[in-house]
Amino acid sequence: MTIPDVVGLFGVILYVGAYAGLQLGKLELADVRYTILNGLGGLAVIFSLVWSFNLAAFVTQVLWLLFTIVGFFRARRV
């Protein structure tokens, strides 16, 4: 297993963990921890895709990161 693989798997753990925290009531959408976990998770997966590119995965991660940023600013505005 290469370093990009480890970083990518760590990213998946971060954003799936954020989603699990949300679904289990441990985190809320407006919680900055939720946003940080999602953002870092997406960036880590994008990092791993630099070494083993997959267009569908890349588009998914870019959109995930974009929606995370939009959600962060919407939560701060309310």
PDB file of N, CA and C in Angstrom:
ATOM      1  N   MET A   1       0.857  -1.179   0.000  1.00  0.00           N
ATOM      2  CA  MET A   1       0.000   0.000   0.000  1.00  0.00           C
ATOM      3  C   MET A   1       0.901   1.240   0.000  1.00  0.00           C
ATOM      4  N   THR A   2       0.596   2.163  -0.895  1.00  0.00           N
ATOM      5  CA  THR A   2       1.410   3.369  -1.034  1.00  0.00           C
ATOM      6  C   THR A   2       0.899   4.479  -0.112  1.00  0.00           C
ATOM      7  N   ILE A   3       1.707   5.514   0.036  1.00  0.00           N
ATOM      8  CA  ILE A   3       1.303   6.664   0.853  1.00  0.00           C
ATOM      9  C   ILE A   3       0.025   7.311   0.306  1.00  0.00           C
ATOM     10  N   PRO A   4      -0.100   7.527  -1.006  1.00  0.00           N
ATOM     11  CA  PRO A   4      -1.367   8.074  -1.515  1.00  0.00           C
ATOM     12  C   PRO A   4      -2.574   7.195  -1.174  1.00  0.00           C
ATOM     13  N   ASP A   5      -2.391   5.876  -1.187  1.00  0.00           N
ATOM     14  CA  ASP A   5      -3.488   4.985  -0.800  1.00  0.00           C
ATOM     15  C   ASP A   5      -3.888   5.205   0.651  1.00  0.00           C
ATOM     16  N   VAL A   6      -2.891   5.313   1.514  1.00  0.00           N
ATOM     17  CA  VAL A   6      -3.154   5.522   2.944  1.00  0.00           C
ATOM     18  C   VAL A   6      -3.849   6.866   3.164  1.00  0.00           C
ATOM     19  N   VAL A   7      -3.371   7.904   2.488  1.00  0.00           N
ATOM     20  CA  VAL A   7      -3.979   9.230   2.613  1.00  0.00           C
ATOM     21  C   VAL A   7      -5.423   9.190   2.113  1.00  0.00           C
ATOM     22  N   GLY A   8      -5.661   8.534   0.987  1.00  0.00           N
ATOM     23  CA  GLY A   8      -7.008   8.425   0.438  1.00  0.00           C
ATOM     24  C   GLY A   8      -7.944   7.667   1.372  1.00  0.00           C
ATOM     25  N   LEU A   9      -7.479   6.572   1.933  1.00  0.00           N
ATOM     26  CA  LEU A   9      -8.302   5.813   2.881  1.00  0.00           C
ATOM     27  C   LEU A   9      -8.591   6.618   4.140  1.00  0.00           C
ATOM     28  N   PHE A  10      -7.600   7.373   4.603  1.00  0.00           N
ATOM     29  CA  PHE A  10      -7.809   8.248   5.753  1.00  0.00           C
ATOM     30  C   PHE A  10      -8.885   9.287   5.427  1.00  0.00           C
ATOM     31  N   GLY A  11      -8.852   9.816   4.209  1.00  0.00           N
ATOM     32  CA  GLY A  11      -9.876  10.774   3.773  1.00  0.00           C
ATOM     33  C   GLY A  11     -11.262  10.163   3.792  1.00  0.00           C
ATOM     34  N   VAL A  12     -11.373   8.940   3.312  1.00  0.00           N
ATOM     35  CA  VAL A  12     -12.666   8.257   3.324  1.00  0.00           C
ATOM     36  C   VAL A  12     -13.146   8.080   4.768  1.00  0.00           C
ATOM     37  N   ILE A  13     -12.243   7.686   5.656  1.00  0.00           N
ATOM     38  CA  ILE A  13     -12.599   7.530   7.073  1.00  0.00           C
ATOM     39  C   ILE A  13     -13.096   8.854   7.646  1.00  0.00           C
ATOM     40  N   LEU A  14     -12.437   9.967   7.270  1.00  0.00           N
ATOM     41  CA  LEU A  14     -12.841  11.269   7.787  1.00  0.00           C
ATOM     42  C   LEU A  14     -14.247  11.640   7.355  1.00  0.00           C
ATOM     43  N   TYR A  15     -14.537  11.562   6.059  1.00  0.00           N
ATOM     44  CA  TYR A  15     -15.857  12.042   5.662  1.00  0.00           C
ATOM     45  C   TYR A  15     -16.972  11.031   5.893  1.00  0.00           C
ATOM     46  N   VAL A  16     -16.662   9.758   5.899  1.00  0.00           N
ATOM     47  CA  VAL A  16     -17.683   8.785   6.282  1.00  0.00           C
ATOM     48  C   VAL A  16     -17.939   8.893   7.791  1.00  0.00           C
ATOM     49  N   GLY A  17     -16.875   9.170   8.540  1.00  0.00           N
ATOM     50  CA  GLY A  17     -17.034   9.402   9.973  1.00  0.00           C
ATOM     51  C   GLY A  17     -17.889  10.630  10.252  1.00  0.00           C
ATOM     52  N   ALA A  18     -17.702  11.671   9.466  1.00  0.00           N
ATOM     53  CA  ALA A  18     -18.521  12.877   9.616  1.00  0.00           C
ATOM     54  C   ALA A  18     -19.983  12.564   9.329  1.00  0.00           C
ATOM     55  N   TYR A  19     -20.224  11.806   8.279  1.00  0.00           N
ATOM     56  CA  TYR A  19     -21.595  11.439   7.917  1.00  0.00           C
ATOM     57  C   TYR A  19     -22.214  10.555   9.003  1.00  0.00           C
ATOM     58  N   ALA A  20     -21.448   9.615   9.504  1.00  0.00           N
ATOM     59  CA  ALA A  20     -21.940   8.754  10.586  1.00  0.00           C
ATOM     60  C   ALA A  20     -22.261   9.584  11.819  1.00  0.00           C
ATOM     61  N   GLY A  21     -21.376  10.523  12.152  1.00  0.00           N
ATOM     62  CA  GLY A  21     -21.624  11.402  13.296  1.00  0.00           C
ATOM     63  C   GLY A  21     -22.901  12.197  13.137  1.00  0.00           C
ATOM     64  N   LEU A  22     -23.159  12.642  11.934  1.00  0.00           N
ATOM     65  CA  LEU A  22     -24.386  13.384  11.647  1.00  0.00           C
ATOM     66  C   LEU A  22     -25.611  12.478  11.805  1.00  0.00           C
ATOM     67  N   GLN A  23     -25.546  11.289  11.223  1.00  0.00           N
ATOM     68  CA  GLN A  23     -26.684  10.375  11.267  1.00  0.00           C
ATOM     69  C   GLN A  23     -26.946   9.834  12.673  1.00  0.00           C
ATOM     70  N   LEU A  24     -25.906   9.721  13.481  1.00  0.00           N
ATOM     71  CA  LEU A  24     -26.049   9.202  14.837  1.00  0.00           C
ATOM     72  C   LEU A  24     -26.310  10.296  15.863  1.00  0.00           C
ATOM     73  N   GLY A  25     -26.405  11.539  15.391  1.00  0.00           N
ATOM     74  CA  GLY A  25     -26.717  12.648  16.278  1.00  0.00           C
ATOM     75  C   GLY A  25     -25.544  13.162  17.088  1.00  0.00           C
ATOM     76  N   LYS A  26     -24.336  12.773  16.729  1.00  0.00           N
ATOM     77  CA  LYS A  26     -23.135  13.250  17.435  1.00  0.00           C
ATOM     78  C   LYS A  26     -22.640  14.583  16.878  1.00  0.00           C
ATOM     79  N   LEU A  27     -22.987  14.870  15.641  1.00  0.00           N
ATOM     80  CA  LEU A  27     -22.625  16.124  14.984  1.00  0.00           C
ATOM     81  C   LEU A  27     -23.879  16.730  14.366  1.00  0.00           C
ATOM     82  N   GLU A  28     -23.829  18.040  14.133  1.00  0.00           N
ATOM     83  CA  GLU A  28     -24.910  18.743  13.442  1.00  0.00           C
ATOM     84  C   GLU A  28     -24.336  19.400  12.187  1.00  0.00           C
ATOM     85  N   LEU A  29     -25.226  19.717  11.255  1.00  0.00           N
ATOM     86  CA  LEU A  29     -24.771  20.340  10.006  1.00  0.00           C
ATOM     87  C   LEU A  29     -23.986  21.621  10.256  1.00  0.00           C
ATOM     88  N   ALA A  30     -24.400  22.405  11.232  1.00  0.00           N
ATOM     89  CA  ALA A  30     -23.742  23.680  11.498  1.00  0.00           C
ATOM     90  C   ALA A  30     -22.477  23.520  12.340  1.00  0.00           C
ATOM     91  N   ASP A  31     -22.182  22.305  12.791  1.00  0.00           N
ATOM     92  CA  ASP A  31     -20.994  22.048  13.611  1.00  0.00           C
ATOM     93  C   ASP A  31     -19.746  22.176  12.745  1.00  0.00           C
ATOM     94  N   VAL A  32     -18.827  23.014  13.157  1.00  0.00           N
ATOM     95  CA  VAL A  32     -17.609  23.233  12.369  1.00  0.00           C
ATOM     96  C   VAL A  32     -16.799  21.943  12.248  1.00  0.00           C
ATOM     97  N   ARG A  33     -16.901  21.041  13.208  1.00  0.00           N
ATOM     98  CA  ARG A  33     -16.182  19.761  13.118  1.00  0.00           C
ATOM     99  C   ARG A  33     -16.673  18.944  11.924  1.00  0.00           C
ATOM    100  N   TYR A  34     -17.973  18.994  11.667  1.00  0.00           N
ATOM    101  CA  TYR A  34     -18.539  18.286  10.526  1.00  0.00           C
ATOM    102  C   TYR A  34     -17.941  18.817   9.219  1.00  0.00           C
ATOM    103  N   THR A  35     -17.866  20.131   9.119  1.00  0.00           N
ATOM    104  CA  THR A  35     -17.311  20.758   7.919  1.00  0.00           C
ATOM    105  C   THR A  35     -15.837  20.432   7.757  1.00  0.00           C
ATOM    106  N   ILE A  36     -15.091  20.490   8.837  1.00  0.00           N
ATOM    107  CA  ILE A  36     -13.652  20.195   8.776  1.00  0.00           C
ATOM    108  C   ILE A  36     -13.412  18.749   8.349  1.00  0.00           C
ATOM    109  N   LEU A  37     -14.151  17.812   8.956  1.00  0.00           N
ATOM    110  CA  LEU A  37     -13.995  16.399   8.590  1.00  0.00           C
ATOM    111  C   LEU A  37     -14.321  16.178   7.115  1.00  0.00           C
ATOM    112  N   ASN A  38     -15.399  16.775   6.632  1.00  0.00           N
ATOM    113  CA  ASN A  38     -15.772  16.649   5.216  1.00  0.00           C
ATOM    114  C   ASN A  38     -14.720  17.260   4.312  1.00  0.00           C
ATOM    115  N   GLY A  39     -14.269  18.458   4.644  1.00  0.00           N
ATOM    116  CA  GLY A  39     -13.283  19.145   3.809  1.00  0.00           C
ATOM    117  C   GLY A  39     -11.956  18.410   3.749  1.00  0.00           C
ATOM    118  N   LEU A  40     -11.447  18.011   4.907  1.00  0.00           N
ATOM    119  CA  LEU A  40     -10.171  17.289   4.926  1.00  0.00           C
ATOM    120  C   LEU A  40     -10.291  15.928   4.252  1.00  0.00           C
ATOM    121  N   GLY A  41     -11.436  15.281   4.455  1.00  0.00           N
ATOM    122  CA  GLY A  41     -11.645  13.994   3.802  1.00  0.00           C
ATOM    123  C   GLY A  41     -11.619  14.115   2.288  1.00  0.00           C
ATOM    124  N   GLY A  42     -12.338  15.099   1.765  1.00  0.00           N
ATOM    125  CA  GLY A  42     -12.345  15.315   0.319  1.00  0.00           C
ATOM    126  C   GLY A  42     -10.969  15.660  -0.231  1.00  0.00           C
ATOM    127  N   LEU A  43     -10.251  16.520   0.474  1.00  0.00           N
ATOM    128  CA  LEU A  43      -8.897  16.886   0.031  1.00  0.00           C
ATOM    129  C   LEU A  43      -7.961  15.690   0.041  1.00  0.00           C
ATOM    130  N   ALA A  44      -8.081  14.854   1.057  1.00  0.00           N
ATOM    131  CA  ALA A  44      -7.213  13.674   1.139  1.00  0.00           C
ATOM    132  C   ALA A  44      -7.484  12.711  -0.010  1.00  0.00           C
ATOM    133  N   VAL A  45      -8.733  12.518  -0.355  1.00  0.00           N
ATOM    134  CA  VAL A  45      -9.061  11.623  -1.470  1.00  0.00           C
ATOM    135  C   VAL A  45      -8.578  12.236  -2.787  1.00  0.00           C
ATOM    136  N   ILE A  46      -8.752  13.542  -2.955  1.00  0.00           N
ATOM    137  CA  ILE A  46      -8.242  14.204  -4.168  1.00  0.00           C
ATOM    138  C   ILE A  46      -6.729  14.049  -4.250  1.00  0.00           C
ATOM    139  N   PHE A  47      -6.038  14.191  -3.124  1.00  0.00           N
ATOM    140  CA  PHE A  47      -4.581  13.990  -3.082  1.00  0.00           C
ATOM    141  C   PHE A  47      -4.231  12.598  -3.607  1.00  0.00           C
ATOM    142  N   SER A  48      -4.953  11.585  -3.145  1.00  0.00           N
ATOM    143  CA  SER A  48      -4.650  10.215  -3.573  1.00  0.00           C
ATOM    144  C   SER A  48      -4.923  10.025  -5.062  1.00  0.00           C
ATOM    145  N   LEU A  49      -5.877  10.766  -5.597  1.00  0.00           N
ATOM    146  CA  LEU A  49      -6.221  10.633  -7.013  1.00  0.00           C
ATOM    147  C   LEU A  49      -5.153  11.210  -7.942  1.00  0.00           C
ATOM    148  N   VAL A  50      -4.263  12.030  -7.404  1.00  0.00           N
ATOM    149  CA  VAL A  50      -3.164  12.564  -8.216  1.00  0.00           C
ATOM    150  C   VAL A  50      -2.289  11.413  -8.715  1.00  0.00           C
ATOM    151  N   TRP A  51      -2.121  10.367  -7.882  1.00  0.00           N
ATOM    152  CA  TRP A  51      -1.262   9.237  -8.243  1.00  0.00           C
ATOM    153  C   TRP A  51      -2.007   8.142  -8.988  1.00  0.00           C
ATOM    154  N   SER A  52      -3.271   8.029  -8.763  1.00  0.00           N
ATOM    155  CA  SER A  52      -4.066   7.007  -9.434  1.00  0.00           C
ATOM    156  C   SER A  52      -5.391   7.645  -9.850  1.00  0.00           C
ATOM    157  N   PHE A  53      -5.352   8.358 -10.967  1.00  0.00           N
ATOM    158  CA  PHE A  53      -6.478   9.190 -11.368  1.00  0.00           C
ATOM    159  C   PHE A  53      -7.665   8.351 -11.820  1.00  0.00           C
ATOM    160  N   ASN A  54      -8.833   8.790 -11.405  1.00  0.00           N
ATOM    161  CA  ASN A  54     -10.104   8.215 -11.825  1.00  0.00           C
ATOM    162  C   ASN A  54     -11.058   9.395 -11.977  1.00  0.00           C
ATOM    163  N   LEU A  55     -11.511   9.651 -13.178  1.00  0.00           N
ATOM    164  CA  LEU A  55     -12.298  10.845 -13.456  1.00  0.00           C
ATOM    165  C   LEU A  55     -13.575  10.896 -12.619  1.00  0.00           C
ATOM    166  N   ALA A  56     -14.301   9.800 -12.539  1.00  0.00           N
ATOM    167  CA  ALA A  56     -15.561   9.793 -11.779  1.00  0.00           C
ATOM    168  C   ALA A  56     -15.303  10.090 -10.302  1.00  0.00           C
ATOM    169  N   ALA A  57     -14.287   9.477  -9.732  1.00  0.00           N
ATOM    170  CA  ALA A  57     -13.957   9.726  -8.327  1.00  0.00           C
ATOM    171  C   ALA A  57     -13.511  11.174  -8.130  1.00  0.00           C
ATOM    172  N   PHE A  58     -12.738  11.705  -9.068  1.00  0.00           N
ATOM    173  CA  PHE A  58     -12.273  13.080  -8.963  1.00  0.00           C
ATOM    174  C   PHE A  58     -13.447  14.059  -8.994  1.00  0.00           C
ATOM    175  N   VAL A  59     -14.362  13.872  -9.928  1.00  0.00           N
ATOM    176  CA  VAL A  59     -15.527  14.754 -10.025  1.00  0.00           C
ATOM    177  C   VAL A  59     -16.357  14.661  -8.745  1.00  0.00           C
ATOM    178  N   THR A  60     -16.556  13.449  -8.238  1.00  0.00           N
ATOM    179  CA  THR A  60     -17.302  13.266  -6.996  1.00  0.00           C
ATOM    180  C   THR A  60     -16.655  14.026  -5.844  1.00  0.00           C
ATOM    181  N   GLN A  61     -15.348  13.930  -5.729  1.00  0.00           N
ATOM    182  CA  GLN A  61     -14.650  14.578  -4.615  1.00  0.00           C
ATOM    183  C   GLN A  61     -14.645  16.101  -4.750  1.00  0.00           C
ATOM    184  N   VAL A  62     -14.491  16.586  -5.959  1.00  0.00           N
ATOM    185  CA  VAL A  62     -14.530  18.037  -6.164  1.00  0.00           C
ATOM    186  C   VAL A  62     -15.917  18.582  -5.807  1.00  0.00           C
ATOM    187  N   LEU A  63     -16.961  17.882  -6.231  1.00  0.00           N
ATOM    188  CA  LEU A  63     -18.316  18.313  -5.876  1.00  0.00           C
ATOM    189  C   LEU A  63     -18.555  18.202  -4.375  1.00  0.00           C
ATOM    190  N   TRP A  64     -18.070  17.139  -3.758  1.00  0.00           N
ATOM    191  CA  TRP A  64     -18.192  16.962  -2.303  1.00  0.00           C
ATOM    192  C   TRP A  64     -17.556  18.151  -1.592  1.00  0.00           C
ATOM    193  N   LEU A  65     -16.365  18.513  -2.023  1.00  0.00           N
ATOM    194  CA  LEU A  65     -15.651  19.633  -1.414  1.00  0.00           C
ATOM    195  C   LEU A  65     -16.378  20.953  -1.674  1.00  0.00           C
ATOM    196  N   LEU A  66     -16.887  21.149  -2.874  1.00  0.00           N
ATOM    197  CA  LEU A  66     -17.616  22.370  -3.210  1.00  0.00           C
ATOM    198  C   LEU A  66     -18.866  22.516  -2.336  1.00  0.00           C
ATOM    199  N   PHE A  67     -19.643  21.438  -2.211  1.00  0.00           N
ATOM    200  CA  PHE A  67     -20.851  21.499  -1.384  1.00  0.00           C
ATOM    201  C   PHE A  67     -20.511  21.687   0.085  1.00  0.00           C
ATOM    202  N   THR A  68     -19.391  21.145   0.532  1.00  0.00           N
ATOM    203  CA  THR A  68     -18.953  21.355   1.908  1.00  0.00           C
ATOM    204  C   THR A  68     -18.651  22.824   2.155  1.00  0.00           C
ATOM    205  N   ILE A  69     -17.978  23.460   1.218  1.00  0.00           N
ATOM    206  CA  ILE A  69     -17.648  24.887   1.355  1.00  0.00           C
ATOM    207  C   ILE A  69     -18.919  25.732   1.338  1.00  0.00           C
ATOM    208  N   VAL A  70     -19.830  25.432   0.413  1.00  0.00           N
ATOM    209  CA  VAL A  70     -21.098  26.166   0.351  1.00  0.00           C
ATOM    210  C   VAL A  70     -21.871  25.989   1.655  1.00  0.00           C
ATOM    211  N   GLY A  71     -21.952  24.764   2.147  1.00  0.00           N
ATOM    212  CA  GLY A  71     -22.658  24.494   3.399  1.00  0.00           C
ATOM    213  C   GLY A  71     -22.038  25.211   4.576  1.00  0.00           C
ATOM    214  N   PHE A  72     -20.716  25.278   4.599  1.00  0.00           N
ATOM    215  CA  PHE A  72     -20.020  25.980   5.682  1.00  0.00           C
ATOM    216  C   PHE A  72     -20.427  27.446   5.717  1.00  0.00           C
ATOM    217  N   PHE A  73     -20.397  28.101   4.575  1.00  0.00           N
ATOM    218  CA  PHE A  73     -20.745  29.531   4.543  1.00  0.00           C
ATOM    219  C   PHE A  73     -22.240  29.772   4.786  1.00  0.00           C
ATOM    220  N   ARG A  74     -23.082  28.874   4.328  1.00  0.00           N
ATOM    221  CA  ARG A  74     -24.510  29.000   4.623  1.00  0.00           C
ATOM    222  C   ARG A  74     -24.777  28.848   6.109  1.00  0.00           C
ATOM    223  N   ALA A  75     -24.093  27.916   6.754  1.00  0.00           N
ATOM    224  CA  ALA A  75     -24.286  27.696   8.196  1.00  0.00           C
ATOM    225  C   ALA A  75     -23.804  28.912   9.002  1.00  0.00           C
ATOM    226  N   ARG A  76     -22.784  29.570   8.533  1.00  0.00           N
ATOM    227  CA  ARG A  76     -22.238  30.740   9.240  1.00  0.00           C
ATOM    228  C   ARG A  76     -23.130  31.971   9.047  1.00  0.00           C
ATOM    229  N   ARG A  77     -23.868  32.002   7.943  1.00  0.00           N
ATOM    230  CA  ARG A  77     -24.709  33.148   7.617  1.00  0.00           C
ATOM    231  C   ARG A  77     -25.998  33.155   8.440  1.00  0.00           C
ATOM    232  N   VAL A  78     -26.471  31.984   8.812  1.00  0.00           N
ATOM    233  CA  VAL A  78     -27.751  31.867   9.517  1.00  0.00           C
ATOM    234  C   VAL A  78     -27.623  32.336  10.945  1.00  0.00           C
TER     235      VAL A  78
END
